[in-house]
Amino acid sequence: MAKPIYRSVGAWDSDQVLGKVEAPAPAPASTPTLSAAKDSKNHFVTSQQWSVDRPDVMVVACSDGRLQFSIDHFLNAQLNVKHYDRMFMPGGSGALVAGGCEFLRAEHYRRDLYFLLEAHGTDDLILLAHGAADDGPPEATCAHYRRLMPYASLEEIRTQQVVDIREFLKSAHTQLSKVRVRAFRAEVMADLTVRYVEVDKESSL
């Protein structure tokens, strides 16, 4: 079984599950630019400039925003990835593999991924799946897999996610020949911290 590679201190956000809604933190005070002062109600100008250089890393992950800060912390602290292209969709890496009657959906996402890798000149591809650890909250289970496998246990879903990652890597070997690929499963633990476990291409579960 794959060994945990990293445990993020950025906890999984359970507020979405529990229905809590907090007011956003106020933006820091700043002096508006002349253009912003003229019509500040209709637009906003950021202080962050557009980056001329493209990232050389692509991250494929689930669109579940509860993992946002944990993923960023993991990428930054463990993999030293701060600037990256992102492809976020329900299921993350699992969306690249046909499940049930969703063959066309998987093919669509694959074509988009291959296009981005080529167009952006990507060097490294990081695949992420997520779910609950053995002692984690069931609500952390990926909704994409829960939809495809409504009666499956957490262990069965975890196993399927690893199988799907390996199937994608095997079937897309030609298209991924120019990039370095690493895959991880983000496991939400009982204390809501997130453990990132690397998925080997062929190791036993």
N, C-alpha and C. Protein backbone atom coordinates (compact mmCIF):
# COMPACT_ATOMS: atom_id res chain seq x y z
N MET A 1 0.84 -1.20 0.00
CA MET A 1 0.00 0.00 0.00
C MET A 1 0.88 1.24 0.00
N ALA A 2 0.48 2.27 -0.73
CA ALA A 2 1.27 3.47 -0.81
C ALA A 2 1.40 4.13 0.55
N LYS A 3 2.58 4.70 0.83
CA LYS A 3 2.82 5.34 2.11
C LYS A 3 2.50 6.83 2.01
N PRO A 4 1.99 7.42 3.12
CA PRO A 4 1.70 8.85 3.09
C PRO A 4 2.96 9.63 2.79
N ILE A 5 2.87 10.60 1.90
CA ILE A 5 4.02 11.42 1.58
C ILE A 5 3.98 12.74 2.31
N TYR A 6 2.79 13.21 2.68
CA TYR A 6 2.70 14.52 3.29
C TYR A 6 1.37 14.67 4.00
N ARG A 7 1.38 15.41 5.11
CA ARG A 7 0.15 15.72 5.84
C ARG A 7 0.03 17.21 5.93
N SER A 8 -0.96 17.76 5.27
CA SER A 8 -1.13 19.20 5.22
C SER A 8 -1.73 19.72 6.52
N VAL A 9 -1.19 20.84 7.00
CA VAL A 9 -1.79 21.46 8.18
C VAL A 9 -2.97 22.33 7.78
N GLY A 10 -3.13 22.53 6.48
CA GLY A 10 -4.30 23.24 6.00
C GLY A 10 -5.50 22.30 6.04
N ALA A 11 -6.37 22.49 7.01
CA ALA A 11 -7.46 21.55 7.24
C ALA A 11 -8.52 21.62 6.15
N TRP A 12 -9.18 20.48 5.95
CA TRP A 12 -10.34 20.42 5.05
C TRP A 12 -11.44 21.30 5.63
N ASP A 13 -12.12 22.06 4.79
CA ASP A 13 -13.15 22.99 5.22
C ASP A 13 -14.49 22.27 5.31
N SER A 14 -14.96 22.03 6.55
CA SER A 14 -16.22 21.32 6.74
C SER A 14 -17.42 22.25 6.76
N ASP A 15 -17.21 23.55 6.68
CA ASP A 15 -18.33 24.49 6.77
C ASP A 15 -19.35 24.28 5.66
N GLN A 16 -18.88 23.92 4.48
CA GLN A 16 -19.81 23.70 3.37
C GLN A 16 -20.75 22.54 3.67
N VAL A 17 -20.23 21.49 4.32
CA VAL A 17 -21.04 20.33 4.65
C VAL A 17 -22.06 20.67 5.72
N LEU A 18 -21.62 21.47 6.72
CA LEU A 18 -22.48 21.76 7.85
C LEU A 18 -23.41 22.93 7.60
N GLY A 19 -23.29 23.53 6.44
CA GLY A 19 -24.20 24.61 6.09
C GLY A 19 -23.83 25.94 6.70
N LYS A 20 -22.60 26.09 7.19
CA LYS A 20 -22.18 27.34 7.79
C LYS A 20 -21.76 28.32 6.71
N VAL A 21 -22.14 29.55 6.86
CA VAL A 21 -21.75 30.58 5.92
C VAL A 21 -21.17 31.72 6.72
N GLU A 22 -19.92 32.03 6.48
CA GLU A 22 -19.28 33.11 7.19
C GLU A 22 -19.10 34.30 6.25
N ALA A 23 -19.19 35.48 6.82
CA ALA A 23 -18.97 36.67 6.02
C ALA A 23 -17.52 36.74 5.61
N PRO A 24 -17.25 37.13 4.37
CA PRO A 24 -15.86 37.22 3.92
C PRO A 24 -15.09 38.26 4.70
N ALA A 25 -13.81 38.03 4.89
CA ALA A 25 -12.98 38.99 5.60
C ALA A 25 -12.89 40.27 4.80
N PRO A 26 -12.90 41.42 5.48
CA PRO A 26 -12.83 42.68 4.75
C PRO A 26 -11.51 42.82 4.03
N ALA A 27 -11.56 43.41 2.84
CA ALA A 27 -10.34 43.61 2.07
C ALA A 27 -9.49 44.67 2.74
N PRO A 28 -8.16 44.54 2.67
CA PRO A 28 -7.30 45.54 3.28
C PRO A 28 -7.51 46.89 2.64
N ALA A 29 -7.43 47.93 3.48
CA ALA A 29 -7.64 49.28 2.99
C ALA A 29 -6.52 49.66 2.04
N SER A 30 -6.86 50.33 0.97
CA SER A 30 -5.86 50.77 0.01
C SER A 30 -6.35 52.03 -0.67
N THR A 31 -5.44 52.73 -1.26
CA THR A 31 -5.79 53.95 -1.95
C THR A 31 -6.17 53.62 -3.38
N PRO A 32 -7.41 53.91 -3.82
CA PRO A 32 -7.83 53.55 -5.17
C PRO A 32 -7.04 54.32 -6.23
N THR A 33 -6.80 53.67 -7.33
CA THR A 33 -6.16 54.36 -8.44
C THR A 33 -7.14 55.34 -9.05
N LEU A 34 -6.62 56.22 -9.90
CA LEU A 34 -7.48 57.22 -10.52
C LEU A 34 -8.58 56.57 -11.33
N SER A 35 -8.22 55.52 -12.13
CA SER A 35 -9.22 54.87 -12.97
C SER A 35 -10.27 54.16 -12.12
N ALA A 36 -9.85 53.54 -11.00
CA ALA A 36 -10.79 52.85 -10.15
C ALA A 36 -11.71 53.83 -9.45
N ALA A 37 -11.19 54.99 -9.09
CA ALA A 37 -12.00 55.98 -8.37
C ALA A 37 -13.10 56.54 -9.25
N LYS A 38 -12.88 56.58 -10.56
CA LYS A 38 -13.88 57.15 -11.46
C LYS A 38 -15.15 56.33 -11.50
N ASP A 39 -15.03 55.02 -11.46
CA ASP A 39 -16.21 54.17 -11.63
C ASP A 39 -16.02 52.89 -10.83
N SER A 40 -15.76 52.99 -9.55
CA SER A 40 -15.42 51.83 -8.73
C SER A 40 -16.58 50.87 -8.56
N LYS A 41 -17.79 51.28 -8.86
CA LYS A 41 -18.94 50.40 -8.69
C LYS A 41 -19.03 49.35 -9.79
N ASN A 42 -18.42 49.63 -10.92
CA ASN A 42 -18.58 48.74 -12.07
C ASN A 42 -17.37 47.89 -12.39
N HIS A 43 -16.27 48.10 -11.71
CA HIS A 43 -15.10 47.28 -12.00
C HIS A 43 -14.13 47.30 -10.82
N PHE A 44 -13.17 46.41 -10.90
CA PHE A 44 -12.13 46.30 -9.87
C PHE A 44 -10.80 46.01 -10.55
N VAL A 45 -9.77 46.74 -10.19
CA VAL A 45 -8.44 46.55 -10.74
C VAL A 45 -7.55 45.95 -9.66
N THR A 46 -6.99 44.78 -9.94
CA THR A 46 -6.17 44.12 -8.94
C THR A 46 -4.77 44.72 -8.90
N SER A 47 -4.11 44.51 -7.78
CA SER A 47 -2.71 44.93 -7.65
C SER A 47 -1.76 43.87 -8.18
N GLN A 48 -2.31 42.67 -8.51
CA GLN A 48 -1.49 41.59 -9.04
C GLN A 48 -1.52 41.63 -10.56
N GLN A 49 -0.35 41.71 -11.15
CA GLN A 49 -0.27 41.79 -12.60
C GLN A 49 -0.39 40.42 -13.25
N TRP A 50 -0.83 40.41 -14.49
CA TRP A 50 -0.87 39.20 -15.30
C TRP A 50 0.56 38.70 -15.50
N SER A 51 0.74 37.40 -15.42
CA SER A 51 2.07 36.82 -15.57
C SER A 51 2.38 36.55 -17.04
N VAL A 52 3.48 37.09 -17.52
CA VAL A 52 3.88 36.87 -18.90
C VAL A 52 4.30 35.42 -19.11
N ASP A 53 4.98 34.86 -18.15
CA ASP A 53 5.50 33.49 -18.26
C ASP A 53 4.44 32.47 -17.85
N ARG A 54 4.32 31.41 -18.64
CA ARG A 54 3.39 30.35 -18.29
C ARG A 54 4.00 29.46 -17.20
N PRO A 55 3.15 28.88 -16.35
CA PRO A 55 3.66 27.86 -15.42
C PRO A 55 4.12 26.63 -16.20
N ASP A 56 5.03 25.86 -15.63
CA ASP A 56 5.45 24.62 -16.28
C ASP A 56 4.84 23.40 -15.61
N VAL A 57 3.87 23.64 -14.70
CA VAL A 57 3.20 22.56 -13.98
C VAL A 57 1.69 22.65 -14.20
N MET A 58 1.06 21.51 -14.47
CA MET A 58 -0.40 21.43 -14.59
C MET A 58 -0.92 20.56 -13.46
N VAL A 59 -1.94 21.04 -12.75
CA VAL A 59 -2.56 20.28 -11.67
C VAL A 59 -3.99 19.95 -12.05
N VAL A 60 -4.31 18.66 -12.02
CA VAL A 60 -5.68 18.20 -12.26
C VAL A 60 -6.27 17.79 -10.91
N ALA A 61 -7.36 18.44 -10.51
CA ALA A 61 -7.95 18.16 -9.21
C ALA A 61 -9.46 18.35 -9.27
N CYS A 62 -10.12 17.91 -8.21
CA CYS A 62 -11.57 18.05 -8.12
C CYS A 62 -11.94 19.51 -7.88
N SER A 63 -13.11 19.89 -8.31
CA SER A 63 -13.57 21.27 -8.14
C SER A 63 -14.07 21.56 -6.73
N ASP A 64 -14.02 20.59 -5.83
CA ASP A 64 -14.46 20.77 -4.45
C ASP A 64 -13.60 21.82 -3.74
N GLY A 65 -14.17 22.98 -3.49
CA GLY A 65 -13.42 24.10 -2.92
C GLY A 65 -13.01 23.92 -1.47
N ARG A 66 -13.52 22.90 -0.79
CA ARG A 66 -13.16 22.69 0.61
C ARG A 66 -11.71 22.28 0.77
N LEU A 67 -11.10 21.84 -0.32
CA LEU A 67 -9.71 21.40 -0.29
C LEU A 67 -8.75 22.47 -0.81
N GLN A 68 -9.27 23.61 -1.17
CA GLN A 68 -8.46 24.63 -1.85
C GLN A 68 -7.19 24.98 -1.10
N PHE A 69 -7.30 25.35 0.17
CA PHE A 69 -6.13 25.81 0.91
C PHE A 69 -5.18 24.66 1.21
N SER A 70 -5.73 23.49 1.46
CA SER A 70 -4.89 22.32 1.73
C SER A 70 -4.07 21.95 0.50
N ILE A 71 -4.70 21.96 -0.67
CA ILE A 71 -3.98 21.64 -1.90
C ILE A 71 -2.86 22.63 -2.15
N ASP A 72 -3.15 23.92 -2.01
CA ASP A 72 -2.12 24.93 -2.22
C ASP A 72 -0.96 24.75 -1.24
N HIS A 73 -1.29 24.41 0.01
CA HIS A 73 -0.25 24.21 1.01
C HIS A 73 0.61 22.99 0.66
N PHE A 74 -0.02 21.92 0.26
CA PHE A 74 0.71 20.71 -0.12
C PHE A 74 1.63 20.98 -1.30
N LEU A 75 1.10 21.59 -2.34
CA LEU A 75 1.89 21.86 -3.53
C LEU A 75 3.09 22.75 -3.22
N ASN A 76 2.85 23.76 -2.39
CA ASN A 76 3.91 24.71 -2.06
C ASN A 76 4.95 24.10 -1.13
N ALA A 77 4.49 23.50 -0.03
CA ALA A 77 5.40 23.03 1.00
C ALA A 77 6.11 21.74 0.64
N GLN A 78 5.42 20.83 -0.06
CA GLN A 78 6.00 19.52 -0.34
C GLN A 78 6.64 19.43 -1.72
N LEU A 79 5.99 20.04 -2.71
CA LEU A 79 6.47 19.91 -4.09
C LEU A 79 7.11 21.19 -4.62
N ASN A 80 7.12 22.23 -3.80
CA ASN A 80 7.69 23.52 -4.19
C ASN A 80 7.03 24.07 -5.46
N VAL A 81 5.73 23.87 -5.55
CA VAL A 81 4.95 24.38 -6.69
C VAL A 81 4.10 25.54 -6.21
N LYS A 82 4.40 26.71 -6.72
CA LYS A 82 3.65 27.91 -6.33
C LYS A 82 2.83 28.48 -7.47
N HIS A 83 3.29 28.26 -8.68
CA HIS A 83 2.66 28.83 -9.87
C HIS A 83 2.30 27.68 -10.79
N TYR A 84 1.02 27.45 -11.00
CA TYR A 84 0.65 26.28 -11.79
C TYR A 84 -0.64 26.50 -12.58
N ASP A 85 -0.72 25.85 -13.72
CA ASP A 85 -1.97 25.78 -14.47
C ASP A 85 -2.89 24.81 -13.74
N ARG A 86 -4.17 25.01 -13.86
CA ARG A 86 -5.11 24.13 -13.15
C ARG A 86 -6.24 23.68 -14.05
N MET A 87 -6.62 22.44 -13.86
CA MET A 87 -7.78 21.87 -14.54
C MET A 87 -8.61 21.21 -13.45
N PHE A 88 -9.60 21.94 -12.99
CA PHE A 88 -10.44 21.48 -11.89
C PHE A 88 -11.82 21.10 -12.42
N MET A 89 -12.24 19.89 -12.12
CA MET A 89 -13.56 19.42 -12.54
C MET A 89 -14.02 18.33 -11.56
N PRO A 90 -15.31 18.03 -11.50
CA PRO A 90 -15.80 17.00 -10.58
C PRO A 90 -15.07 15.67 -10.78
N GLY A 91 -14.47 15.17 -9.71
CA GLY A 91 -13.75 13.91 -9.79
C GLY A 91 -12.26 14.05 -9.92
N GLY A 92 -11.77 15.24 -10.30
CA GLY A 92 -10.34 15.41 -10.46
C GLY A 92 -9.78 14.43 -11.47
N SER A 93 -8.76 13.68 -11.07
CA SER A 93 -8.15 12.70 -11.98
C SER A 93 -9.16 11.64 -12.43
N GLY A 94 -10.18 11.37 -11.60
CA GLY A 94 -11.18 10.37 -11.95
C GLY A 94 -12.03 10.77 -13.14
N ALA A 95 -12.11 12.06 -13.44
CA ALA A 95 -12.90 12.52 -14.57
C ALA A 95 -12.26 12.15 -15.90
N LEU A 96 -10.99 11.74 -15.86
CA LEU A 96 -10.27 11.38 -17.08
C LEU A 96 -10.49 9.92 -17.47
N VAL A 97 -11.24 9.19 -16.65
CA VAL A 97 -11.50 7.77 -16.91
C VAL A 97 -13.00 7.56 -16.99
N ALA A 98 -13.43 6.84 -18.02
CA ALA A 98 -14.87 6.59 -18.19
C ALA A 98 -15.39 5.73 -17.06
N GLY A 99 -16.51 6.15 -16.49
CA GLY A 99 -17.15 5.37 -15.45
C GLY A 99 -18.63 5.28 -15.73
N GLY A 100 -19.20 4.09 -15.65
CA GLY A 100 -20.62 3.93 -15.95
C GLY A 100 -20.88 4.28 -17.41
N CYS A 101 -21.77 5.22 -17.64
CA CYS A 101 -22.11 5.62 -19.01
C CYS A 101 -21.45 6.93 -19.39
N GLU A 102 -20.34 7.27 -18.74
CA GLU A 102 -19.73 8.58 -18.93
C GLU A 102 -18.50 8.56 -19.83
N PHE A 103 -18.50 7.71 -20.83
CA PHE A 103 -17.35 7.62 -21.73
C PHE A 103 -17.09 8.94 -22.43
N LEU A 104 -18.12 9.58 -22.97
CA LEU A 104 -17.93 10.81 -23.72
C LEU A 104 -17.40 11.93 -22.83
N ARG A 105 -17.83 11.96 -21.59
CA ARG A 105 -17.35 12.99 -20.66
C ARG A 105 -15.85 12.85 -20.44
N ALA A 106 -15.40 11.63 -20.21
CA ALA A 106 -13.97 11.39 -19.98
C ALA A 106 -13.16 11.75 -21.21
N GLU A 107 -13.66 11.40 -22.40
CA GLU A 107 -12.94 11.72 -23.63
C GLU A 107 -12.83 13.22 -23.83
N HIS A 108 -13.88 13.93 -23.47
CA HIS A 108 -13.86 15.39 -23.59
C HIS A 108 -12.78 15.99 -22.69
N TYR A 109 -12.73 15.55 -21.45
CA TYR A 109 -11.72 16.08 -20.53
C TYR A 109 -10.31 15.69 -20.96
N ARG A 110 -10.16 14.49 -21.48
CA ARG A 110 -8.84 14.07 -21.95
C ARG A 110 -8.35 14.96 -23.09
N ARG A 111 -9.22 15.23 -24.04
CA ARG A 111 -8.83 16.08 -25.16
C ARG A 111 -8.42 17.46 -24.67
N ASP A 112 -9.17 18.00 -23.72
CA ASP A 112 -8.82 19.31 -23.18
C ASP A 112 -7.47 19.27 -22.47
N LEU A 113 -7.23 18.21 -21.70
CA LEU A 113 -5.96 18.09 -20.99
C LEU A 113 -4.79 17.99 -21.98
N TYR A 114 -4.91 17.13 -22.97
CA TYR A 114 -3.83 16.97 -23.94
C TYR A 114 -3.56 18.29 -24.67
N PHE A 115 -4.63 19.00 -25.00
CA PHE A 115 -4.45 20.30 -25.65
C PHE A 115 -3.66 21.26 -24.77
N LEU A 116 -4.04 21.35 -23.50
CA LEU A 116 -3.37 22.28 -22.60
C LEU A 116 -1.90 21.91 -22.39
N LEU A 117 -1.63 20.62 -22.24
CA LEU A 117 -0.24 20.19 -22.05
C LEU A 117 0.62 20.59 -23.24
N GLU A 118 0.07 20.44 -24.44
CA GLU A 118 0.82 20.78 -25.65
C GLU A 118 0.93 22.29 -25.83
N ALA A 119 -0.20 22.98 -25.69
CA ALA A 119 -0.23 24.43 -25.95
C ALA A 119 0.60 25.20 -24.92
N HIS A 120 0.63 24.72 -23.68
CA HIS A 120 1.34 25.43 -22.63
C HIS A 120 2.76 24.92 -22.42
N GLY A 121 3.15 23.89 -23.13
CA GLY A 121 4.49 23.37 -22.98
C GLY A 121 4.77 22.85 -21.57
N THR A 122 3.81 22.15 -21.01
CA THR A 122 3.89 21.68 -19.63
C THR A 122 5.01 20.64 -19.45
N ASP A 123 5.74 20.77 -18.35
CA ASP A 123 6.80 19.81 -18.01
C ASP A 123 6.33 18.76 -17.01
N ASP A 124 5.48 19.18 -16.07
CA ASP A 124 5.06 18.29 -14.98
C ASP A 124 3.55 18.30 -14.84
N LEU A 125 2.98 17.11 -14.71
CA LEU A 125 1.54 16.95 -14.50
C LEU A 125 1.31 16.30 -13.14
N ILE A 126 0.46 16.92 -12.33
CA ILE A 126 0.12 16.40 -11.01
C ILE A 126 -1.36 16.05 -10.99
N LEU A 127 -1.67 14.78 -10.72
CA LEU A 127 -3.05 14.31 -10.66
C LEU A 127 -3.46 14.14 -9.20
N LEU A 128 -4.64 14.65 -8.87
CA LEU A 128 -5.14 14.55 -7.50
C LEU A 128 -6.54 13.96 -7.47
N ALA A 129 -6.74 13.01 -6.56
CA ALA A 129 -8.07 12.52 -6.21
C ALA A 129 -8.24 12.79 -4.72
N HIS A 130 -9.47 12.73 -4.24
CA HIS A 130 -9.65 13.00 -2.81
C HIS A 130 -10.80 12.19 -2.23
N GLY A 131 -10.77 12.05 -0.92
CA GLY A 131 -11.82 11.34 -0.20
C GLY A 131 -11.51 11.28 1.27
N ALA A 132 -12.26 10.50 2.00
CA ALA A 132 -12.07 10.37 3.43
C ALA A 132 -11.04 9.29 3.74
N ALA A 133 -10.23 9.51 4.76
CA ALA A 133 -9.35 8.47 5.27
C ALA A 133 -10.21 7.45 6.03
N ASP A 134 -9.59 6.38 6.51
CA ASP A 134 -10.34 5.35 7.24
C ASP A 134 -11.13 5.94 8.40
N ASP A 135 -10.53 6.92 9.08
CA ASP A 135 -11.20 7.53 10.24
C ASP A 135 -11.77 8.90 9.90
N GLY A 136 -11.80 9.24 8.63
CA GLY A 136 -12.25 10.57 8.23
C GLY A 136 -13.75 10.70 8.09
N PRO A 137 -14.24 11.92 7.93
CA PRO A 137 -15.68 12.15 7.80
C PRO A 137 -16.20 11.67 6.45
N PRO A 138 -17.27 10.90 6.42
CA PRO A 138 -17.81 10.41 5.14
C PRO A 138 -18.16 11.54 4.18
N GLU A 139 -18.47 12.74 4.73
CA GLU A 139 -18.83 13.87 3.87
C GLU A 139 -17.67 14.31 2.99
N ALA A 140 -16.46 13.88 3.32
CA ALA A 140 -15.30 14.25 2.52
C ALA A 140 -15.16 13.40 1.26
N THR A 141 -16.01 12.40 1.12
CA THR A 141 -15.97 11.54 -0.07
C THR A 141 -16.27 12.36 -1.31
N CYS A 142 -15.51 12.12 -2.36
CA CYS A 142 -15.70 12.84 -3.62
C CYS A 142 -17.11 12.59 -4.15
N ALA A 143 -17.85 13.66 -4.42
CA ALA A 143 -19.23 13.54 -4.88
C ALA A 143 -19.32 12.86 -6.25
N HIS A 144 -18.30 13.03 -7.07
CA HIS A 144 -18.28 12.38 -8.38
C HIS A 144 -18.30 10.87 -8.21
N TYR A 145 -17.48 10.34 -7.31
CA TYR A 145 -17.44 8.90 -7.10
C TYR A 145 -18.67 8.42 -6.34
N ARG A 146 -19.20 9.24 -5.46
CA ARG A 146 -20.41 8.85 -4.75
C ARG A 146 -21.57 8.74 -5.73
N ARG A 147 -21.57 9.58 -6.75
CA ARG A 147 -22.62 9.52 -7.78
C ARG A 147 -22.48 8.25 -8.61
N LEU A 148 -21.25 7.90 -8.97
CA LEU A 148 -21.02 6.72 -9.79
C LEU A 148 -21.16 5.43 -9.00
N MET A 149 -20.84 5.50 -7.69
CA MET A 149 -20.82 4.30 -6.84
C MET A 149 -21.63 4.58 -5.56
N PRO A 150 -22.94 4.76 -5.70
CA PRO A 150 -23.75 5.21 -4.55
C PRO A 150 -23.79 4.24 -3.37
N TYR A 151 -23.54 2.96 -3.60
CA TYR A 151 -23.64 1.98 -2.52
C TYR A 151 -22.27 1.46 -2.09
N ALA A 152 -21.21 2.07 -2.58
CA ALA A 152 -19.86 1.60 -2.28
C ALA A 152 -19.40 2.10 -0.91
N SER A 153 -18.52 1.34 -0.30
CA SER A 153 -17.90 1.76 0.96
C SER A 153 -16.78 2.75 0.66
N LEU A 154 -16.29 3.41 1.71
CA LEU A 154 -15.18 4.34 1.54
C LEU A 154 -13.96 3.62 0.99
N GLU A 155 -13.72 2.40 1.47
CA GLU A 155 -12.58 1.62 1.00
C GLU A 155 -12.72 1.28 -0.48
N GLU A 156 -13.93 0.93 -0.90
CA GLU A 156 -14.16 0.59 -2.31
C GLU A 156 -13.94 1.81 -3.21
N ILE A 157 -14.38 2.96 -2.74
CA ILE A 157 -14.18 4.18 -3.52
C ILE A 157 -12.69 4.53 -3.58
N ARG A 158 -12.02 4.40 -2.46
CA ARG A 158 -10.59 4.67 -2.43
C ARG A 158 -9.84 3.76 -3.39
N THR A 159 -10.20 2.49 -3.39
CA THR A 159 -9.57 1.54 -4.30
C THR A 159 -9.84 1.90 -5.75
N GLN A 160 -11.07 2.29 -6.06
CA GLN A 160 -11.43 2.64 -7.44
C GLN A 160 -10.67 3.87 -7.90
N GLN A 161 -10.47 4.83 -7.03
CA GLN A 161 -9.74 6.03 -7.42
C GLN A 161 -8.30 5.69 -7.83
N VAL A 162 -7.68 4.80 -7.08
CA VAL A 162 -6.32 4.39 -7.42
C VAL A 162 -6.31 3.61 -8.74
N VAL A 163 -7.28 2.72 -8.91
CA VAL A 163 -7.40 1.96 -10.16
C VAL A 163 -7.57 2.92 -11.34
N ASP A 164 -8.40 3.93 -11.17
CA ASP A 164 -8.65 4.88 -12.26
C ASP A 164 -7.39 5.66 -12.62
N ILE A 165 -6.63 6.08 -11.62
CA ILE A 165 -5.40 6.81 -11.89
C ILE A 165 -4.45 5.95 -12.72
N ARG A 166 -4.30 4.69 -12.29
CA ARG A 166 -3.39 3.80 -13.00
C ARG A 166 -3.88 3.49 -14.41
N GLU A 167 -5.19 3.37 -14.57
CA GLU A 167 -5.75 3.10 -15.89
C GLU A 167 -5.48 4.28 -16.82
N PHE A 168 -5.68 5.48 -16.31
CA PHE A 168 -5.42 6.66 -17.13
C PHE A 168 -3.95 6.74 -17.53
N LEU A 169 -3.05 6.54 -16.59
CA LEU A 169 -1.63 6.63 -16.89
C LEU A 169 -1.21 5.59 -17.93
N LYS A 170 -1.80 4.42 -17.84
CA LYS A 170 -1.46 3.36 -18.80
C LYS A 170 -2.02 3.66 -20.18
N SER A 171 -3.27 4.07 -20.24
CA SER A 171 -3.92 4.29 -21.54
C SER A 171 -3.44 5.57 -22.22
N ALA A 172 -2.93 6.53 -21.43
CA ALA A 172 -2.49 7.80 -22.00
C ALA A 172 -0.97 7.89 -22.07
N HIS A 173 -0.32 6.74 -22.07
CA HIS A 173 1.14 6.71 -22.04
C HIS A 173 1.75 7.53 -23.18
N THR A 174 1.22 7.39 -24.38
CA THR A 174 1.76 8.10 -25.53
C THR A 174 1.58 9.61 -25.39
N GLN A 175 0.37 10.02 -25.01
CA GLN A 175 0.08 11.46 -24.90
C GLN A 175 0.86 12.12 -23.75
N LEU A 176 1.26 11.33 -22.77
CA LEU A 176 1.97 11.89 -21.61
C LEU A 176 3.47 11.65 -21.68
N SER A 177 3.96 11.23 -22.82
CA SER A 177 5.37 10.84 -22.94
C SER A 177 6.33 12.01 -22.74
N LYS A 178 5.85 13.24 -22.93
CA LYS A 178 6.73 14.39 -22.82
C LYS A 178 6.66 15.08 -21.45
N VAL A 179 5.84 14.57 -20.55
CA VAL A 179 5.71 15.22 -19.24
C VAL A 179 6.02 14.23 -18.12
N ARG A 180 6.47 14.76 -17.00
CA ARG A 180 6.65 13.96 -15.79
C ARG A 180 5.33 13.97 -15.04
N VAL A 181 4.89 12.80 -14.61
CA VAL A 181 3.58 12.68 -13.97
C VAL A 181 3.72 12.13 -12.55
N ARG A 182 3.02 12.76 -11.61
CA ARG A 182 2.90 12.23 -10.26
C ARG A 182 1.43 12.29 -9.87
N ALA A 183 0.99 11.33 -9.09
CA ALA A 183 -0.43 11.26 -8.70
C ALA A 183 -0.52 11.07 -7.18
N PHE A 184 -1.53 11.69 -6.60
CA PHE A 184 -1.72 11.64 -5.15
C PHE A 184 -3.20 11.51 -4.82
N ARG A 185 -3.47 10.93 -3.66
CA ARG A 185 -4.82 10.92 -3.12
C ARG A 185 -4.82 11.73 -1.83
N ALA A 186 -5.68 12.74 -1.78
CA ALA A 186 -5.83 13.57 -0.59
C ALA A 186 -6.86 12.93 0.33
N GLU A 187 -6.43 12.52 1.51
CA GLU A 187 -7.31 11.80 2.44
C GLU A 187 -7.60 12.68 3.66
N VAL A 188 -8.86 13.05 3.82
CA VAL A 188 -9.28 13.87 4.94
C VAL A 188 -9.38 13.00 6.19
N MET A 189 -8.67 13.40 7.24
CA MET A 189 -8.59 12.60 8.45
C MET A 189 -9.61 13.07 9.50
N ALA A 190 -9.66 12.37 10.61
CA ALA A 190 -10.66 12.66 11.64
C ALA A 190 -10.57 14.08 12.16
N ASP A 191 -9.35 14.60 12.26
CA ASP A 191 -9.17 15.96 12.77
C ASP A 191 -9.25 17.01 11.66
N LEU A 192 -9.65 16.58 10.46
CA LEU A 192 -9.84 17.42 9.27
C LEU A 192 -8.54 17.87 8.62
N THR A 193 -7.39 17.43 9.14
CA THR A 193 -6.16 17.64 8.38
C THR A 193 -6.19 16.68 7.20
N VAL A 194 -5.35 16.94 6.21
CA VAL A 194 -5.39 16.18 4.97
C VAL A 194 -4.05 15.51 4.72
N ARG A 195 -4.09 14.21 4.54
CA ARG A 195 -2.89 13.42 4.27
C ARG A 195 -2.81 13.15 2.78
N TYR A 196 -1.66 13.45 2.19
CA TYR A 196 -1.46 13.24 0.76
C TYR A 196 -0.62 11.99 0.55
N VAL A 197 -1.21 11.01 -0.12
CA VAL A 197 -0.56 9.72 -0.34
C VAL A 197 -0.24 9.57 -1.83
N GLU A 198 1.01 9.33 -2.13
CA GLU A 198 1.38 9.19 -3.55
C GLU A 198 0.92 7.84 -4.08
N VAL A 199 0.39 7.87 -5.28
CA VAL A 199 -0.10 6.66 -5.94
C VAL A 199 0.96 6.19 -6.92
N ASP A 200 1.53 5.01 -6.66
CA ASP A 200 2.49 4.44 -7.58
C ASP A 200 1.77 3.87 -8.79
N LYS A 201 2.45 3.81 -9.89
CA LYS A 201 1.81 3.34 -11.12
C LYS A 201 1.35 1.91 -11.03
N GLU A 202 2.13 1.07 -10.36
CA GLU A 202 1.83 -0.36 -10.40
C GLU A 202 1.85 -1.04 -9.04
N SER A 203 2.09 -0.29 -7.95
CA SER A 203 2.21 -0.97 -6.65
C SER A 203 0.88 -1.51 -6.20
N SER A 204 0.92 -2.51 -5.32
CA SER A 204 -0.31 -3.12 -4.83
C SER A 204 -1.03 -2.20 -3.90
N LEU A 205 -2.35 -2.32 -3.80
CA LEU A 205 -3.17 -1.48 -2.95
C LEU A 205 -2.99 -1.88 -1.50
